[in-house]
Amino acid sequence: MRGAEIARGTLDGLAGALWIPTSLAGGVARRVISRARCAWTQAAVEASDASGDAPRTEALSKELAALAAQPGGDPALAPARTPA
């Protein structure tokens, strides 16, 4: 998580280090579906969107919606819409 803090402080933010939130989300996934995974996937969606990677943003948004709907997920973190 320290890497995410450092990346947020850079000019590009997490968009310049998209591997950080996606890796953290994946690591949490191996242990349990949880609010933490939803939160890191949300961070990955935002970073991907900021980087301009529309296909990746769409895929991550769909993943977030599916995670948020599962037990232990956080429906409040589900995106309002999937990017076009």
C-alpha atoms as a PDB file:
ATOM      1  CA  MET A   1       0.000   0.000   0.000  1.00  0.00           C
ATOM      2  CA  ARG A   2       2.998   2.270   0.469  1.00  0.00           C
ATOM      3  CA  GLY A   3       3.571   2.154  -3.280  1.00  0.00           C
ATOM      4  CA  ALA A   4       0.076   3.532  -3.858  1.00  0.00           C
ATOM      5  CA  GLU A   5       0.749   6.376  -1.425  1.00  0.00           C
ATOM      6  CA  ILE A   6       3.979   7.222  -3.227  1.00  0.00           C
ATOM      7  CA  ALA A   7       2.366   7.000  -6.681  1.00  0.00           C
ATOM      8  CA  ARG A   8      -0.472   9.297  -5.633  1.00  0.00           C
ATOM      9  CA  GLY A   9       2.144  11.918  -4.808  1.00  0.00           C
ATOM     10  CA  THR A  10       3.683  11.877  -8.296  1.00  0.00           C
ATOM     11  CA  LEU A  11       2.708  13.988 -11.278  1.00  0.00           C
ATOM     12  CA  ASP A  12       0.887  11.080 -12.980  1.00  0.00           C
ATOM     13  CA  GLY A  13      -0.585   9.665  -9.771  1.00  0.00           C
ATOM     14  CA  LEU A  14      -1.901   6.117  -9.902  1.00  0.00           C
ATOM     15  CA  ALA A  15      -2.520   6.551 -13.640  1.00  0.00           C
ATOM     16  CA  GLY A  16       1.248   6.360 -14.106  1.00  0.00           C
ATOM     17  CA  ALA A  17       1.510   3.216 -12.005  1.00  0.00           C
ATOM     18  CA  LEU A  18      -1.683   1.322 -12.783  1.00  0.00           C
ATOM     19  CA  TRP A  19      -0.005  -1.933 -11.815  1.00  0.00           C
ATOM     20  CA  ILE A  20      -0.136  -0.904  -8.145  1.00  0.00           C
ATOM     21  CA  PRO A  21      -3.916  -0.833  -7.561  1.00  0.00           C
ATOM     22  CA  THR A  22      -4.549  -3.756  -9.907  1.00  0.00           C
ATOM     23  CA  SER A  23      -1.924  -5.843  -8.098  1.00  0.00           C
ATOM     24  CA  LEU A  24      -3.293  -4.892  -4.697  1.00  0.00           C
ATOM     25  CA  ALA A  25      -6.821  -5.730  -5.814  1.00  0.00           C
ATOM     26  CA  GLY A  26      -5.659  -9.105  -7.107  1.00  0.00           C
ATOM     27  CA  GLY A  27      -3.773  -9.875  -3.901  1.00  0.00           C
ATOM     28  CA  VAL A  28      -6.811  -9.184  -1.789  1.00  0.00           C
ATOM     29  CA  ALA A  29      -8.870 -11.343  -4.153  1.00  0.00           C
ATOM     30  CA  ARG A  30      -6.790 -14.395  -3.460  1.00  0.00           C
ATOM     31  CA  ARG A  31      -7.654 -14.125   0.216  1.00  0.00           C
ATOM     32  CA  VAL A  32     -11.288 -13.013   0.228  1.00  0.00           C
ATOM     33  CA  ILE A  33     -13.841 -10.952  -1.668  1.00  0.00           C
ATOM     34  CA  SER A  34     -14.049  -7.853   0.448  1.00  0.00           C
ATOM     35  CA  ARG A  35     -14.521  -4.146   0.624  1.00  0.00           C
ATOM     36  CA  ALA A  36     -10.753  -3.792   0.354  1.00  0.00           C
ATOM     37  CA  ARG A  37     -10.748  -5.493  -3.041  1.00  0.00           C
ATOM     38  CA  CYS A  38     -13.608  -3.281  -4.165  1.00  0.00           C
ATOM     39  CA  ALA A  39     -11.739  -0.198  -3.008  1.00  0.00           C
ATOM     40  CA  TRP A  40      -8.516  -1.158  -4.825  1.00  0.00           C
ATOM     41  CA  THR A  41     -10.436  -2.070  -7.951  1.00  0.00           C
ATOM     42  CA  GLN A  42     -12.160   1.328  -7.763  1.00  0.00           C
ATOM     43  CA  ALA A  43      -8.714   2.948  -7.527  1.00  0.00           C
ATOM     44  CA  ALA A  44      -7.638   0.948 -10.590  1.00  0.00           C
ATOM     45  CA  VAL A  45     -10.736   2.118 -12.501  1.00  0.00           C
ATOM     46  CA  GLU A  46      -9.978   5.741 -11.669  1.00  0.00           C
ATOM     47  CA  ALA A  47      -6.292   5.403 -12.541  1.00  0.00           C
ATOM     48  CA  SER A  48      -7.066   3.637 -15.801  1.00  0.00           C
ATOM     49  CA  ASP A  49      -9.600   6.312 -16.706  1.00  0.00           C
ATOM     50  CA  ALA A  50      -7.047   9.037 -15.933  1.00  0.00           C
ATOM     51  CA  SER A  51      -4.521   7.291 -18.184  1.00  0.00           C
ATOM     52  CA  GLY A  52      -7.000   7.313 -21.078  1.00  0.00           C
ATOM     53  CA  ASP A  53      -7.111   3.525 -21.437  1.00  0.00           C
ATOM     54  CA  ALA A  54     -10.820   3.184 -22.250  1.00  0.00           C
ATOM     55  CA  PRO A  55     -10.851  -0.601 -22.889  1.00  0.00           C
ATOM     56  CA  ARG A  56      -9.042  -1.284 -19.609  1.00  0.00           C
ATOM     57  CA  THR A  57     -11.303   1.160 -17.758  1.00  0.00           C
ATOM     58  CA  GLU A  58     -14.377  -0.610 -19.117  1.00  0.00           C
ATOM     59  CA  ALA A  59     -13.056  -4.042 -18.140  1.00  0.00           C
ATOM     60  CA  LEU A  60     -12.121  -2.874 -14.642  1.00  0.00           C
ATOM     61  CA  SER A  61     -15.506  -1.168 -14.224  1.00  0.00           C
ATOM     62  CA  LYS A  62     -17.286  -4.402 -15.081  1.00  0.00           C
ATOM     63  CA  GLU A  63     -15.068  -6.281 -12.635  1.00  0.00           C
ATOM     64  CA  LEU A  64     -15.850  -3.716  -9.934  1.00  0.00           C
ATOM     65  CA  ALA A  65     -19.592  -4.019 -10.514  1.00  0.00           C
ATOM     66  CA  ALA A  66     -19.378  -7.802 -10.191  1.00  0.00           C
ATOM     67  CA  LEU A  67     -17.253  -7.589  -7.032  1.00  0.00           C
ATOM     68  CA  ALA A  68     -19.490  -5.004  -5.401  1.00  0.00           C
ATOM     69  CA  ALA A  69     -22.531  -7.217  -5.926  1.00  0.00           C
ATOM     70  CA  GLN A  70     -20.981 -10.232  -4.181  1.00  0.00           C
ATOM     71  CA  PRO A  71     -21.236 -10.980  -0.465  1.00  0.00           C
ATOM     72  CA  GLY A  72     -18.644  -8.907   1.345  1.00  0.00           C
ATOM     73  CA  GLY A  73     -18.552  -6.408  -1.491  1.00  0.00           C
ATOM     74  CA  ASP A  74     -19.536  -2.781  -1.254  1.00  0.00           C
ATOM     75  CA  PRO A  75     -22.450  -1.849  -3.538  1.00  0.00           C
ATOM     76  CA  ALA A  76     -21.696   1.827  -2.910  1.00  0.00           C
ATOM     77  CA  LEU A  77     -18.424   1.394  -4.833  1.00  0.00           C
ATOM     78  CA  ALA A  78     -20.093   0.008  -7.944  1.00  0.00           C
ATOM     79  CA  PRO A  79     -19.783   2.442 -10.825  1.00  0.00           C
ATOM     80  CA  ALA A  80     -22.976   4.266 -11.746  1.00  0.00           C
ATOM     81  CA  ARG A  81     -22.369   3.292 -15.348  1.00  0.00           C
ATOM     82  CA  THR A  82     -19.827   1.419 -17.368  1.00  0.00           C
ATOM     83  CA  PRO A  83     -17.685   3.738 -19.523  1.00  0.00           C
ATOM     84  CA  ALA A  84     -18.550   3.634 -23.221  1.00  0.00           C
END
